[in-house]
Amino acid sequence: MKKHIIKLGGSIITDTTSKDYFNKKNTLRLAKELYPFYKGCILIHGTGQVGKPPAIKYGYVDTGVIQKNKHLIALNIKNSLRQLNQCVVQTLLSASIPCIPFDILHFYDDTKNHLNYKVIEDILIQMLKNDLVPVFYGDLLPISDGSFKVFSSDLITL
């Protein structure tokens, strides 16, 4: 089975003028264009206006880490990232694309600082065999010292 990895850029699916920063019009247009080709697709979306401005505002744009003493900030940002993912997934579903959010947190091992790629691969193969479209997204991952680490959607595409 052919697999296609498609990245929906954060600047395309977000909009500074929208209350929740989600650009439904652009995302729906992309979903309709994608529909005929969705089988075998793995989607990844960026964070755009939801992820980039807080990284600059709270000073973790260079380090990729939000310190332990700022966990409420991290949790609010994480919640906004998840809401963006839900908006993307709901829009894809409305275009009849059978997609499911794929939360990378469940596959991250902080003690080894890596993802369990074998488990991810096995799950992805099963999803694709069943014509489901996994939707990855950039996120913040809690790490053992109490801080949060940026997990960029750009890293997922690698």
Protein backbone atom coordinates (compact mmCIF):
# COMPACT_ATOMS: atom_id res chain seq x y z
CA MET A 1 0.00 0.00 0.00
CA LYS A 2 1.27 3.43 -0.92
CA LYS A 3 1.56 5.91 1.91
CA HIS A 4 1.48 9.66 1.55
CA ILE A 5 2.57 12.08 4.24
CA ILE A 6 0.88 15.44 3.83
CA LYS A 7 1.67 18.49 5.95
CA LEU A 8 -0.96 21.16 6.36
CA GLY A 9 1.02 24.27 7.22
CA GLY A 10 0.05 26.18 10.31
CA SER A 11 -0.08 29.46 8.41
CA ILE A 12 -2.73 27.97 6.10
CA ILE A 13 -5.02 26.46 8.76
CA THR A 14 -4.85 29.35 11.23
CA ASP A 15 -6.00 32.95 10.98
CA THR A 16 -5.17 35.88 13.25
CA THR A 17 -8.62 37.42 12.76
CA SER A 18 -10.53 34.37 14.00
CA LYS A 19 -11.40 34.11 17.71
CA ASP A 20 -9.90 30.61 18.05
CA TYR A 21 -7.32 31.29 15.31
CA PHE A 22 -8.74 28.46 13.18
CA ASN A 23 -9.16 29.08 9.46
CA LYS A 24 -12.10 26.81 8.69
CA LYS A 25 -12.50 28.08 5.13
CA ASN A 26 -8.95 27.17 4.11
CA THR A 27 -9.02 23.86 5.99
CA LEU A 28 -12.33 22.85 4.40
CA ARG A 29 -11.01 23.73 0.94
CA LEU A 30 -7.94 21.56 1.56
CA ALA A 31 -10.11 18.73 2.91
CA LYS A 32 -12.30 18.76 -0.22
CA GLU A 33 -9.21 18.71 -2.43
CA LEU A 34 -7.74 15.85 -0.40
CA TYR A 35 -10.90 13.71 -0.29
CA PRO A 36 -10.36 11.77 -3.56
CA PHE A 37 -6.87 10.80 -2.41
CA TYR A 38 -7.26 10.25 1.34
CA LYS A 39 -6.64 6.49 1.39
CA GLY A 40 -3.06 5.85 2.48
CA CYS A 41 -2.61 9.39 3.78
CA ILE A 42 -0.99 10.42 7.02
CA LEU A 43 -1.73 14.05 7.83
CA ILE A 44 0.34 16.38 9.94
CA HIS A 45 -0.63 19.93 10.71
CA GLY A 46 1.31 22.85 12.04
CA THR A 47 0.33 25.16 14.86
CA GLY A 48 0.56 28.54 13.13
CA GLN A 49 -1.01 31.35 15.18
CA VAL A 50 -1.79 28.96 18.03
CA GLY A 51 1.80 27.81 18.59
CA LYS A 52 4.24 30.39 17.26
CA PRO A 53 3.17 33.60 19.07
CA PRO A 54 3.20 31.98 22.55
CA ALA A 55 6.67 30.55 21.84
CA ILE A 56 7.91 34.07 21.20
CA LYS A 57 5.90 35.69 24.00
CA TYR A 58 7.01 33.23 26.69
CA GLY A 59 10.58 32.92 25.46
CA TYR A 60 10.85 29.25 24.54
CA VAL A 61 11.10 29.76 20.79
CA ASP A 62 14.87 29.04 20.88
CA THR A 63 15.10 26.46 23.67
CA GLY A 64 11.93 24.50 22.91
CA VAL A 65 11.34 24.10 26.65
CA ILE A 66 8.82 25.75 28.97
CA GLN A 67 10.22 25.69 32.48
CA LYS A 68 8.53 23.86 35.35
CA ASN A 69 7.51 27.06 37.12
CA LYS A 70 5.40 28.00 34.06
CA HIS A 71 3.36 24.81 33.88
CA LEU A 72 0.00 26.64 33.80
CA ILE A 73 1.16 28.55 30.73
CA ALA A 74 2.29 25.27 29.14
CA LEU A 75 -0.99 23.53 29.93
CA ASN A 76 -3.06 26.37 28.48
CA ILE A 77 -0.99 26.33 25.30
CA LYS A 78 -1.22 22.52 25.13
CA ASN A 79 -4.99 22.79 25.46
CA SER A 80 -5.13 25.34 22.62
CA LEU A 81 -3.03 23.03 20.41
CA ARG A 82 -5.41 20.16 21.11
CA GLN A 83 -8.40 22.40 20.31
CA LEU A 84 -6.80 23.35 17.00
CA ASN A 85 -6.33 19.66 16.23
CA GLN A 86 -9.98 19.00 17.07
CA CYS A 87 -11.05 21.78 14.69
CA VAL A 88 -8.91 20.27 11.92
CA VAL A 89 -10.24 16.76 12.58
CA GLN A 90 -13.87 17.94 12.70
CA THR A 91 -13.43 19.80 9.41
CA LEU A 92 -11.89 16.73 7.76
CA LEU A 93 -14.74 14.57 9.05
CA SER A 94 -17.27 17.05 7.65
CA ALA A 95 -15.61 16.49 4.25
CA SER A 96 -16.12 12.70 4.70
CA ILE A 97 -12.47 11.96 5.42
CA PRO A 98 -12.35 9.22 8.09
CA CYS A 99 -9.65 10.69 10.26
CA ILE A 100 -8.54 10.28 13.83
CA PRO A 101 -6.28 12.49 15.96
CA PHE A 102 -2.95 10.88 16.76
CA ASP A 103 -1.62 12.12 20.09
CA ILE A 104 2.15 11.69 20.11
CA LEU A 105 2.30 11.98 23.91
CA HIS A 106 1.27 8.34 24.27
CA PHE A 107 4.35 7.17 22.37
CA TYR A 108 7.00 9.41 23.88
CA ASP A 109 9.44 7.95 26.41
CA ASP A 110 10.94 10.82 28.39
CA THR A 111 13.47 8.57 30.13
CA LYS A 112 15.04 7.77 26.75
CA ASN A 113 14.07 11.06 25.09
CA HIS A 114 12.59 9.36 22.04
CA LEU A 115 9.44 8.05 20.45
CA ASN A 116 8.55 4.38 20.33
CA TYR A 117 8.68 4.21 16.54
CA LYS A 118 7.90 0.50 16.31
CA VAL A 119 4.59 0.88 18.15
CA ILE A 120 3.72 3.97 16.09
CA GLU A 121 4.51 2.13 12.86
CA ASP A 122 2.37 -0.88 13.83
CA ILE A 123 -0.59 1.34 14.71
CA LEU A 124 -0.22 3.41 11.54
CA ILE A 125 -0.14 0.30 9.37
CA GLN A 126 -3.39 -0.92 10.93
CA MET A 127 -5.04 2.47 10.58
CA LEU A 128 -4.07 2.75 6.93
CA LYS A 129 -5.23 -0.82 6.21
CA ASN A 130 -8.62 0.22 7.59
CA ASP A 131 -8.68 3.38 5.46
CA LEU A 132 -8.35 5.66 8.48
CA VAL A 133 -6.36 8.86 8.23
CA PRO A 134 -4.18 9.61 11.27
CA VAL A 135 -3.78 13.31 12.03
CA PHE A 136 -0.59 14.31 13.87
CA TYR A 137 0.03 17.78 15.24
CA GLY A 138 2.66 19.83 17.01
CA ASP A 139 2.34 19.58 20.77
CA LEU A 140 3.94 20.17 24.15
CA LEU A 141 5.16 17.07 25.96
CA PRO A 142 5.57 16.94 29.74
CA ILE A 143 9.02 15.75 30.76
CA SER A 144 10.23 14.20 33.99
CA ASP A 145 11.63 17.39 35.55
CA GLY A 146 8.20 19.06 35.37
CA SER A 147 8.92 21.23 32.36
CA PHE A 148 7.34 20.89 28.90
CA LYS A 149 9.15 20.19 25.64
CA VAL A 150 8.01 21.41 22.23
CA PHE A 151 7.32 18.58 19.82
CA SER A 152 7.23 20.34 16.47
CA SER A 153 5.08 19.09 13.63
CA ASP A 154 8.18 19.61 11.48
CA LEU A 155 9.91 16.84 13.47
CA ILE A 156 7.03 14.48 12.81
CA THR A 157 7.49 14.84 9.05
CA LEU A 158 11.09 13.66 9.33
